[in-house]
Amino acid sequence: MPLTPYHVEAVNTAKASENKIHDDATAQRFGFKGGFVGGVNVYGYMAHQPVARWGRAWLERGTGEARFAKPVYEGDIAEVSATEDAGGLSLLVTSDGVECATGRAVLPSERSPVVLDDYVAVAPRTQRPPADERSLRVGDWLGMQPLKATAEWHAEMLRDLRETEGLYAREGIIHPGTTLRCCNWVLTHNVVLPAWIHMGSSVRNLSLAHINDTLTLRARVTQNYEHKGHKWVELECLLVADETRPVMHAMHIAIYRPRQLAEAA
């Protein structure tokens, strides 16, 4: 059974970031129409549908998946369709007539626990080397610069996502598009990535993060490989609030060196 589609006017919030894939000139050189909206933002758009269906229960213990196939561009309308079946919700993002992302959301009957001590807490590197097979070596642990979730920052994140669900502002809950963004930050806080692309994530929500929590991430490099000329990295990530409470477990996939960079070198 389909749910009512959700529509968002997409915003490229990363124009000024270090990642030049969000810059029009670089993205066009790589063959795209222009700088595109980050995958974590698109996942944030997708997360509207499971919350519309299940409410805060999905934020507390639900799972979500997203795979990004084509960019969503600033100013275009992203339509998030959701179809419910016996196992959960099938999600689809289209924009300007193009299928941009697919995914799935499920509400398990019980929360999946994790053991905090299984994930090693390390500080982010003081010197960031270029991203390569050595700096993103399989088995290495990475840490994120701690982030205090202030009320002002929280409000800005909701504005950036154009979120219409009032639950987040009303209860001070950090948005899943924002918690997933921490998986990007654990990369950018440790290595230099001139242009890179978030390709997908699989997420388990473990608890709610709120305003005034301090967020950190414990990430382990699980794969580093080349495919179709691109260099890929996969991370297993655990987001933690106040160094005591697991918030989100995620498998995060990115192209850290597009083949266009190698061709231009």
Protein backbone atom coordinates (compact mmCIF):
# COMPACT_ATOMS: atom_id res chain seq x y z
CA MET A 1 0.00 0.00 0.00
CA PRO A 2 1.55 3.34 -1.01
CA LEU A 3 1.88 6.25 1.40
CA THR A 4 1.34 9.86 0.35
CA PRO A 5 4.50 11.00 -1.48
CA TYR A 6 6.68 13.53 0.33
CA HIS A 7 8.08 16.47 -1.64
CA VAL A 8 11.13 18.57 -0.75
CA GLU A 9 12.76 21.44 -2.61
CA ALA A 10 16.34 20.20 -2.49
CA VAL A 11 19.11 22.42 -1.15
CA ASN A 12 22.83 21.93 -1.70
CA THR A 13 24.05 22.81 1.79
CA ALA A 14 27.66 21.84 1.03
CA LYS A 15 28.58 24.39 -1.65
CA ALA A 16 31.35 25.86 0.49
CA SER A 17 32.60 22.53 1.85
CA GLU A 18 36.01 21.01 1.22
CA ASN A 19 34.31 18.35 -0.92
CA LYS A 20 34.35 19.90 -4.38
CA ILE A 21 31.81 17.41 -5.76
CA HIS A 22 29.26 19.92 -4.42
CA ASP A 23 30.87 22.73 -6.42
CA ASP A 24 29.29 23.38 -9.83
CA ALA A 25 32.55 23.72 -11.77
CA THR A 26 34.11 20.52 -10.38
CA ALA A 27 30.92 18.48 -10.71
CA GLN A 28 30.45 19.63 -14.30
CA ARG A 29 34.04 18.65 -15.08
CA PHE A 30 33.17 15.18 -13.77
CA GLY A 31 30.17 14.98 -16.11
CA PHE A 32 27.34 16.07 -13.79
CA LYS A 33 24.88 18.91 -14.37
CA GLY A 34 26.27 20.76 -11.37
CA GLY A 35 27.14 20.41 -7.71
CA PHE A 36 24.69 18.07 -6.09
CA VAL A 37 22.85 17.62 -2.83
CA GLY A 38 24.69 15.42 -0.33
CA GLY A 39 23.61 11.84 0.18
CA VAL A 40 23.05 12.41 3.90
CA ASN A 41 20.53 15.12 3.01
CA VAL A 42 18.77 12.78 0.59
CA TYR A 43 18.67 10.12 3.32
CA GLY A 44 17.19 12.80 5.57
CA TYR A 45 14.43 13.37 3.01
CA MET A 46 13.81 9.62 2.85
CA ALA A 47 13.58 9.34 6.64
CA HIS A 48 10.43 11.46 6.61
CA GLN A 49 8.37 8.53 5.39
CA PRO A 50 9.13 5.94 8.14
CA VAL A 51 8.58 8.64 10.79
CA ALA A 52 5.26 9.52 9.14
CA ARG A 53 4.34 5.82 9.31
CA TRP A 54 5.71 4.79 12.73
CA GLY A 55 6.56 7.99 14.60
CA ARG A 56 9.35 8.20 17.16
CA ALA A 57 9.42 4.41 17.52
CA TRP A 58 11.31 4.23 14.21
CA LEU A 59 13.82 6.81 15.47
CA GLU A 60 14.36 4.70 18.60
CA ARG A 61 14.80 1.26 17.03
CA GLY A 62 14.07 1.31 13.28
CA THR A 63 16.39 0.44 10.42
CA GLY A 64 16.96 2.28 7.16
CA GLU A 65 18.85 1.70 3.93
CA ALA A 66 19.70 4.07 1.10
CA ARG A 67 21.59 3.59 -2.16
CA PHE A 68 22.28 6.64 -4.32
CA ALA A 69 22.22 6.15 -8.08
CA LYS A 70 21.89 9.66 -9.55
CA PRO A 71 22.32 13.14 -8.07
CA VAL A 72 19.56 15.36 -6.74
CA TYR A 73 20.28 18.96 -7.74
CA GLU A 74 19.62 22.15 -5.84
CA GLY A 75 16.27 23.74 -6.53
CA ASP A 76 14.76 20.56 -7.96
CA ILE A 77 11.90 18.82 -6.19
CA ALA A 78 12.80 15.50 -4.60
CA GLU A 79 9.78 13.19 -4.38
CA VAL A 80 10.04 10.43 -1.77
CA SER A 81 7.61 7.58 -2.45
CA ALA A 82 6.99 4.83 0.07
CA THR A 83 5.14 1.56 -0.44
CA GLU A 84 4.30 -0.61 2.56
CA ASP A 85 4.53 -4.38 2.40
CA ALA A 86 4.60 -7.14 4.99
CA GLY A 87 8.19 -6.39 5.95
CA GLY A 88 8.30 -2.60 6.03
CA LEU A 89 8.55 0.31 3.60
CA SER A 90 10.15 0.35 0.17
CA LEU A 91 11.49 3.84 -0.56
CA LEU A 92 12.18 5.61 -3.84
CA VAL A 93 13.49 9.13 -4.52
CA THR A 94 12.85 10.68 -7.93
CA SER A 95 13.77 14.16 -9.11
CA ASP A 96 13.21 15.79 -12.49
CA GLY A 97 11.91 12.46 -13.79
CA VAL A 98 15.06 10.54 -12.75
CA GLU A 99 15.31 7.71 -10.19
CA CYS A 100 17.93 9.06 -7.81
CA ALA A 101 17.87 6.78 -4.75
CA THR A 102 16.29 3.60 -3.48
CA GLY A 103 15.99 2.29 0.03
CA ARG A 104 14.04 0.49 2.68
CA ALA A 105 12.84 1.12 6.23
CA VAL A 106 11.73 -1.43 8.82
CA LEU A 107 10.41 -1.20 12.36
CA PRO A 108 11.64 -4.28 14.27
CA SER A 109 9.64 -5.40 17.27
CA GLU A 110 12.69 -4.99 19.52
CA ARG A 111 15.80 -2.81 19.57
CA SER A 112 19.02 -4.48 18.43
CA PRO A 113 21.60 -3.97 21.20
CA VAL A 114 25.27 -3.24 20.68
CA VAL A 115 28.17 -3.53 23.12
CA LEU A 116 29.83 -0.12 23.43
CA ASP A 117 33.20 -1.58 24.37
CA ASP A 118 33.32 -3.48 21.07
CA TYR A 119 33.94 -0.13 19.35
CA VAL A 120 37.25 1.60 19.98
CA ALA A 121 37.17 5.31 20.85
CA VAL A 122 40.07 7.24 19.30
CA ALA A 123 40.73 10.93 18.77
CA PRO A 124 40.68 12.30 15.23
CA ARG A 125 44.08 12.71 13.63
CA THR A 126 45.91 15.94 14.31
CA GLN A 127 47.41 15.83 10.81
CA ARG A 128 45.17 14.68 7.96
CA PRO A 129 46.99 12.71 5.23
CA PRO A 130 45.53 12.33 1.73
CA ALA A 131 42.90 9.60 1.49
CA ASP A 132 44.45 6.40 0.13
CA GLU A 133 44.96 2.73 0.94
CA ARG A 134 47.35 3.57 3.80
CA SER A 135 45.42 6.36 5.50
CA LEU A 136 42.18 4.35 5.20
CA ARG A 137 43.68 0.97 5.96
CA VAL A 138 41.28 -1.91 6.64
CA GLY A 139 41.02 -2.45 10.39
CA ASP A 140 41.98 1.10 11.36
CA TRP A 141 39.76 2.97 13.86
CA LEU A 142 38.77 6.59 13.24
CA GLY A 143 37.29 9.19 15.56
CA MET A 144 35.25 12.35 15.04
CA GLN A 145 35.73 15.74 16.63
CA PRO A 146 33.10 15.88 19.44
CA LEU A 147 29.99 17.83 18.51
CA LYS A 148 27.79 19.59 21.07
CA ALA A 149 24.24 19.56 19.71
CA THR A 150 23.14 23.08 20.59
CA ALA A 151 19.62 24.33 20.04
CA GLU A 152 20.85 26.79 17.38
CA TRP A 153 22.71 24.08 15.47
CA HIS A 154 19.71 21.75 15.70
CA ALA A 155 17.38 24.40 14.27
CA GLU A 156 19.81 25.08 11.42
CA MET A 157 19.96 21.37 10.53
CA LEU A 158 16.16 21.17 10.36
CA ARG A 159 16.03 24.25 8.13
CA ASP A 160 18.68 22.77 5.83
CA LEU A 161 16.65 19.56 5.48
CA ARG A 162 13.37 21.45 4.93
CA GLU A 163 11.82 18.98 7.38
CA THR A 164 8.05 19.41 7.86
CA GLU A 165 7.64 16.84 10.67
CA GLY A 166 7.27 18.83 13.90
CA LEU A 167 8.47 16.03 16.20
CA TYR A 168 12.12 17.06 15.95
CA ALA A 169 11.63 20.69 16.96
CA ARG A 170 8.95 19.90 19.51
CA GLU A 171 10.98 17.26 21.38
CA GLY A 172 14.52 18.40 20.57
CA ILE A 173 15.33 15.16 18.74
CA ILE A 174 18.33 15.19 16.41
CA HIS A 175 17.27 14.33 12.86
CA PRO A 176 18.46 11.02 11.29
CA GLY A 177 19.82 12.95 8.32
CA THR A 178 22.04 14.78 10.79
CA THR A 179 23.14 11.71 12.77
CA LEU A 180 24.15 10.00 9.51
CA ARG A 181 26.15 13.11 8.58
CA CYS A 182 28.54 12.18 11.41
CA CYS A 183 29.71 9.23 9.27
CA ASN A 184 30.86 11.76 6.68
CA TRP A 185 32.59 13.84 9.31
CA VAL A 186 34.59 10.89 10.64
CA LEU A 187 36.15 10.70 7.17
CA THR A 188 36.74 14.42 6.69
CA HIS A 189 38.16 14.82 10.20
CA ASN A 190 40.87 12.23 9.45
CA VAL A 191 41.84 12.40 5.77
CA VAL A 192 41.91 14.96 2.97
CA LEU A 193 39.27 14.24 0.32
CA PRO A 194 39.32 16.78 -2.55
CA ALA A 195 36.18 15.35 -4.19
CA TRP A 196 34.26 12.33 -2.99
CA ILE A 197 30.78 10.78 -3.19
CA HIS A 198 28.62 9.15 -0.52
CA MET A 199 27.14 6.09 -2.25
CA GLY A 200 24.97 4.44 0.39
CA SER A 201 24.34 3.54 4.01
CA SER A 202 22.58 0.91 6.11
CA VAL A 203 21.44 2.25 9.48
CA ARG A 204 20.15 0.83 12.78
CA ASN A 205 18.68 3.38 15.15
CA LEU A 206 19.52 2.49 18.76
CA SER A 207 18.26 5.47 20.79
CA LEU A 208 17.37 9.14 20.42
CA ALA A 209 19.94 11.93 20.36
CA HIS A 210 18.74 15.24 21.79
CA ILE A 211 19.72 18.88 22.01
CA ASN A 212 22.63 19.31 24.49
CA ASP A 213 24.01 15.81 23.83
CA THR A 214 27.68 15.65 22.83
CA LEU A 215 28.06 13.35 19.84
CA THR A 216 31.13 11.30 18.92
CA LEU A 217 31.66 8.54 16.40
CA ARG A 218 33.68 5.32 16.55
CA ALA A 219 34.39 4.02 13.06
CA ARG A 220 36.35 1.08 11.69
CA VAL A 221 37.49 0.77 8.08
CA THR A 222 36.06 -2.55 6.85
CA GLN A 223 36.93 -2.38 3.13
CA ASN A 224 39.13 -0.33 0.79
CA TYR A 225 39.10 -1.35 -2.87
CA GLU A 226 38.98 -0.23 -6.49
CA HIS A 227 35.91 -0.75 -8.69
CA LYS A 228 35.42 0.65 -12.20
CA GLY A 229 38.36 2.98 -11.67
CA HIS A 230 36.96 4.48 -8.48
CA LYS A 231 38.55 4.02 -5.03
CA TRP A 232 35.93 2.94 -2.48
CA VAL A 233 35.91 2.81 1.31
CA GLU A 234 33.41 1.14 3.65
CA LEU A 235 33.08 1.99 7.33
CA GLU A 236 31.32 0.41 10.28
CA CYS A 237 30.23 3.29 12.50
CA LEU A 238 28.77 3.69 15.97
CA LEU A 239 27.43 7.11 16.97
CA VAL A 240 27.58 7.69 20.72
CA ALA A 241 25.96 10.37 22.90
CA ASP A 242 27.94 11.69 25.87
CA GLU A 243 30.42 8.78 25.47
CA THR A 244 27.93 6.45 27.17
CA ARG A 245 24.86 5.83 24.99
CA PRO A 246 24.87 4.25 21.51
CA VAL A 247 22.58 6.21 19.20
CA MET A 248 23.08 4.73 15.72
CA HIS A 249 24.97 1.90 14.04
CA ALA A 250 25.71 2.35 10.34
CA MET A 251 27.55 0.77 7.46
CA HIS A 252 28.70 3.71 5.33
CA ILE A 253 29.96 3.46 1.73
CA ALA A 254 31.77 6.17 -0.25
CA ILE A 255 33.89 6.69 -3.33
CA TYR A 256 36.85 8.50 -1.79
CA ARG A 257 38.74 8.98 -5.06
CA PRO A 258 36.61 9.18 -8.22
CA ARG A 259 38.34 7.94 -11.36
CA GLN A 260 38.02 11.46 -12.81
CA LEU A 261 40.63 12.64 -10.29
CA ALA A 262 43.08 9.98 -11.45
CA GLU A 263 42.40 10.85 -15.09
CA ALA A 264 43.08 14.52 -14.41
CA ALA A 265 46.31 13.86 -12.49
